[in-house]
Amino acid sequence: MRYTPAGLPALDLGLKHESEVSEDGQPRKVSMEMRAVAIGGITKALGAMALGSEALYGGFITSARNGRGLLFHVTSVEPQA
């Protein structure tokens, strides 16, 4: 946990996705990892989750501050059982 210059709690995360989809009628394994950040009240819910927990995340994607890559801003989370 860190705090922004404005004093808001911020949590840096790494999100990972793996699944299998169909492409042109053929199965294809898909996997990706993305850097993410949560700012404000959502950090409490994320901080209470165990490392490696499965969840559905909502939010928006922006370019990273240094201009390299993308950053997912988490605005909602729904833990999965």
Protein backbone atom coordinates (compact mmCIF):
# COMPACT_ATOMS: atom_id res chain seq x y z
CA MET A 1 0.00 0.00 0.00
CA ARG A 2 1.21 3.47 -0.85
CA TYR A 3 -0.37 6.89 -0.86
CA THR A 4 -0.75 9.39 -3.71
CA PRO A 5 0.48 12.97 -3.25
CA ALA A 6 -3.18 13.83 -2.55
CA GLY A 7 -3.18 11.33 0.34
CA LEU A 8 -5.33 8.66 -1.32
CA PRO A 9 -4.44 5.00 -0.75
CA ALA A 10 -3.07 3.29 -3.86
CA LEU A 11 -2.30 -0.36 -4.52
CA ASP A 12 -0.16 -1.60 -7.42
CA LEU A 13 -1.21 -4.98 -8.80
CA GLY A 14 -0.33 -7.53 -11.42
CA LEU A 15 -3.32 -9.21 -13.07
CA LYS A 16 -3.09 -12.50 -14.96
CA HIS A 17 -5.64 -14.09 -17.31
CA GLU A 18 -5.66 -17.57 -18.86
CA SER A 19 -8.41 -19.15 -20.94
CA GLU A 20 -9.18 -21.07 -24.11
CA VAL A 21 -11.10 -19.49 -26.96
CA SER A 22 -12.08 -20.50 -30.48
CA GLU A 23 -10.36 -18.79 -33.40
CA ASP A 24 -11.48 -19.73 -36.92
CA GLY A 25 -13.02 -22.89 -35.46
CA GLN A 26 -9.81 -23.98 -33.74
CA PRO A 27 -9.16 -23.92 -29.97
CA ARG A 28 -6.50 -21.45 -28.86
CA LYS A 29 -5.00 -20.94 -25.43
CA VAL A 30 -4.82 -17.30 -24.41
CA SER A 31 -2.81 -15.86 -21.55
CA MET A 32 -1.76 -12.35 -20.61
CA GLU A 33 -0.46 -10.33 -17.70
CA MET A 34 -1.14 -6.65 -17.11
CA ARG A 35 -0.01 -4.07 -14.62
CA ALA A 36 -2.86 -2.50 -12.66
CA VAL A 37 -3.45 0.12 -10.00
CA ALA A 38 -6.32 0.72 -7.58
CA ILE A 39 -6.82 4.12 -5.96
CA GLY A 40 -9.16 5.11 -3.14
CA GLY A 41 -11.76 3.00 -1.36
CA ILE A 42 -11.39 -0.05 -3.65
CA THR A 43 -7.96 -0.68 -2.09
CA LYS A 44 -9.62 -2.03 1.08
CA ALA A 45 -11.43 -4.80 -0.81
CA LEU A 46 -8.32 -5.67 -2.82
CA GLY A 47 -6.06 -5.61 0.23
CA ALA A 48 -8.33 -8.15 1.96
CA MET A 49 -8.03 -10.65 -0.92
CA ALA A 50 -5.45 -13.44 -0.80
CA LEU A 51 -2.62 -13.44 -3.32
CA GLY A 52 -3.69 -15.43 -6.39
CA SER A 53 -7.43 -14.98 -5.77
CA GLU A 54 -9.73 -15.18 -8.78
CA ALA A 55 -12.00 -12.19 -9.38
CA LEU A 56 -13.80 -10.17 -12.02
CA TYR A 57 -12.28 -6.71 -12.33
CA GLY A 58 -13.86 -3.59 -13.77
CA GLY A 59 -12.14 -0.36 -14.69
CA PHE A 60 -10.38 1.39 -17.54
CA ILE A 61 -7.10 1.18 -19.43
CA THR A 62 -4.68 4.09 -19.87
CA SER A 63 -1.14 4.43 -21.08
CA ALA A 64 1.48 4.04 -18.35
CA ARG A 65 2.97 7.21 -16.91
CA ASN A 66 6.29 6.68 -18.64
CA GLY A 67 4.48 6.12 -21.93
CA ARG A 68 5.54 2.48 -22.12
CA GLY A 69 2.74 -0.04 -22.13
CA LEU A 70 -0.73 0.01 -20.66
CA LEU A 71 -2.06 0.33 -17.11
CA PHE A 72 -5.44 -0.99 -15.96
CA HIS A 73 -7.14 1.20 -13.32
CA VAL A 74 -9.31 -1.04 -11.13
CA THR A 75 -12.60 0.61 -10.11
CA SER A 76 -14.56 -2.49 -9.06
CA VAL A 77 -13.84 -6.06 -8.02
CA GLU A 78 -16.07 -9.11 -7.60
CA PRO A 79 -14.29 -12.05 -5.91
CA GLN A 80 -15.07 -15.46 -7.45
CA ALA A 81 -15.49 -18.63 -5.40
